[in-house]
Amino acid sequence: MLQAMGFEQQGYLRDHYWHEDRFWGLHNMVLTRERWQRQREHFAAILDVQRQYEELARTHPDGHRRESHVESGGVP
């Protein structure tokens, strides 16, 4: 997942710590400034889609907002 986001593996510490009768390694992941500059437009597009989804989620199928007078019992 981190690599899909633009992170690169900088190193790997084999046998980093002992837990439950075995050693576990540790991956060291970094996101360089250059890589971030290439990826940030992609992240901005994802955030735009998320904002659009959240706006749609606040709207009823009939097109009224959830906070509208229809739910509060008001007259249109």
Protein backbone atom coordinates (compact mmCIF):
# COMPACT_ATOMS: atom_id res chain seq x y z
CA MET A 1 0.00 0.00 0.00
CA LEU A 2 2.78 2.42 0.86
CA GLN A 3 4.51 1.78 -2.44
CA ALA A 4 1.26 2.51 -4.29
CA MET A 5 1.19 5.85 -2.47
CA GLY A 6 4.70 6.68 -3.68
CA PHE A 7 6.85 5.52 -0.78
CA GLU A 8 10.12 3.74 -1.52
CA GLN A 9 11.89 1.18 0.62
CA GLN A 10 15.04 2.78 2.01
CA GLY A 11 16.17 -0.19 4.02
CA TYR A 12 15.26 -3.38 5.82
CA LEU A 13 16.39 -4.33 9.31
CA ARG A 14 16.33 -8.11 9.42
CA ASP A 15 15.67 -9.62 12.84
CA HIS A 16 14.82 -6.19 14.26
CA TYR A 17 12.89 -7.47 17.30
CA TRP A 18 11.84 -10.68 18.99
CA HIS A 19 8.13 -11.43 19.50
CA GLU A 20 6.20 -14.67 20.00
CA ASP A 21 9.20 -16.98 19.61
CA ARG A 22 10.59 -15.42 16.43
CA PHE A 23 12.44 -12.43 15.05
CA TRP A 24 10.58 -9.83 13.01
CA GLY A 25 12.07 -7.50 10.44
CA LEU A 26 11.41 -3.80 9.99
CA HIS A 27 10.97 -2.09 6.61
CA ASN A 28 12.13 1.54 6.46
CA MET A 29 9.91 3.42 3.99
CA VAL A 30 10.44 7.01 2.81
CA LEU A 31 8.57 9.51 0.67
CA THR A 32 11.02 11.87 -0.96
CA ARG A 33 10.16 15.47 -1.83
CA GLU A 34 10.54 14.72 -5.55
CA ARG A 35 8.24 11.72 -5.36
CA TRP A 36 5.66 13.68 -3.33
CA GLN A 37 5.62 16.46 -5.93
CA ARG A 38 4.84 13.87 -8.61
CA GLN A 39 2.16 12.17 -6.48
CA ARG A 40 0.35 15.15 -4.94
CA GLU A 41 -1.89 15.77 -7.98
CA HIS A 42 -3.04 12.16 -7.69
CA PHE A 43 -3.82 12.65 -3.99
CA ALA A 44 -5.68 15.90 -4.73
CA ALA A 45 -7.88 14.06 -7.24
CA ILE A 46 -8.66 11.37 -4.66
CA LEU A 47 -9.64 14.02 -2.10
CA ASP A 48 -11.90 15.73 -4.65
CA VAL A 49 -13.72 12.46 -5.31
CA GLN A 50 -14.06 11.88 -1.56
CA ARG A 51 -15.56 15.36 -1.07
CA GLN A 52 -18.02 14.74 -3.92
CA TYR A 53 -19.04 11.41 -2.38
CA GLU A 54 -19.56 12.99 1.03
CA GLU A 55 -21.74 15.70 -0.55
CA LEU A 56 -23.84 13.04 -2.29
CA ALA A 57 -24.11 11.07 0.95
CA ARG A 58 -25.66 14.14 2.61
CA THR A 59 -28.34 14.30 -0.10
CA HIS A 60 -31.49 12.19 -0.27
CA PRO A 61 -32.32 10.23 -3.41
CA ASP A 62 -35.11 12.78 -4.13
CA GLY A 63 -32.46 15.50 -4.34
CA HIS A 64 -33.18 17.19 -0.99
CA ARG A 65 -30.44 17.70 1.52
CA ARG A 66 -30.80 15.77 4.77
CA GLU A 67 -30.94 19.05 6.67
CA SER A 68 -33.80 20.23 4.46
CA HIS A 69 -37.30 21.26 5.51
CA VAL A 70 -38.66 17.94 4.26
CA GLU A 71 -37.15 16.03 7.19
CA SER A 72 -37.84 18.70 9.74
CA GLY A 73 -41.55 18.66 8.90
CA GLY A 74 -41.55 22.12 7.37
CA VAL A 75 -43.58 23.18 4.39
CA PRO A 76 -41.74 23.43 1.04
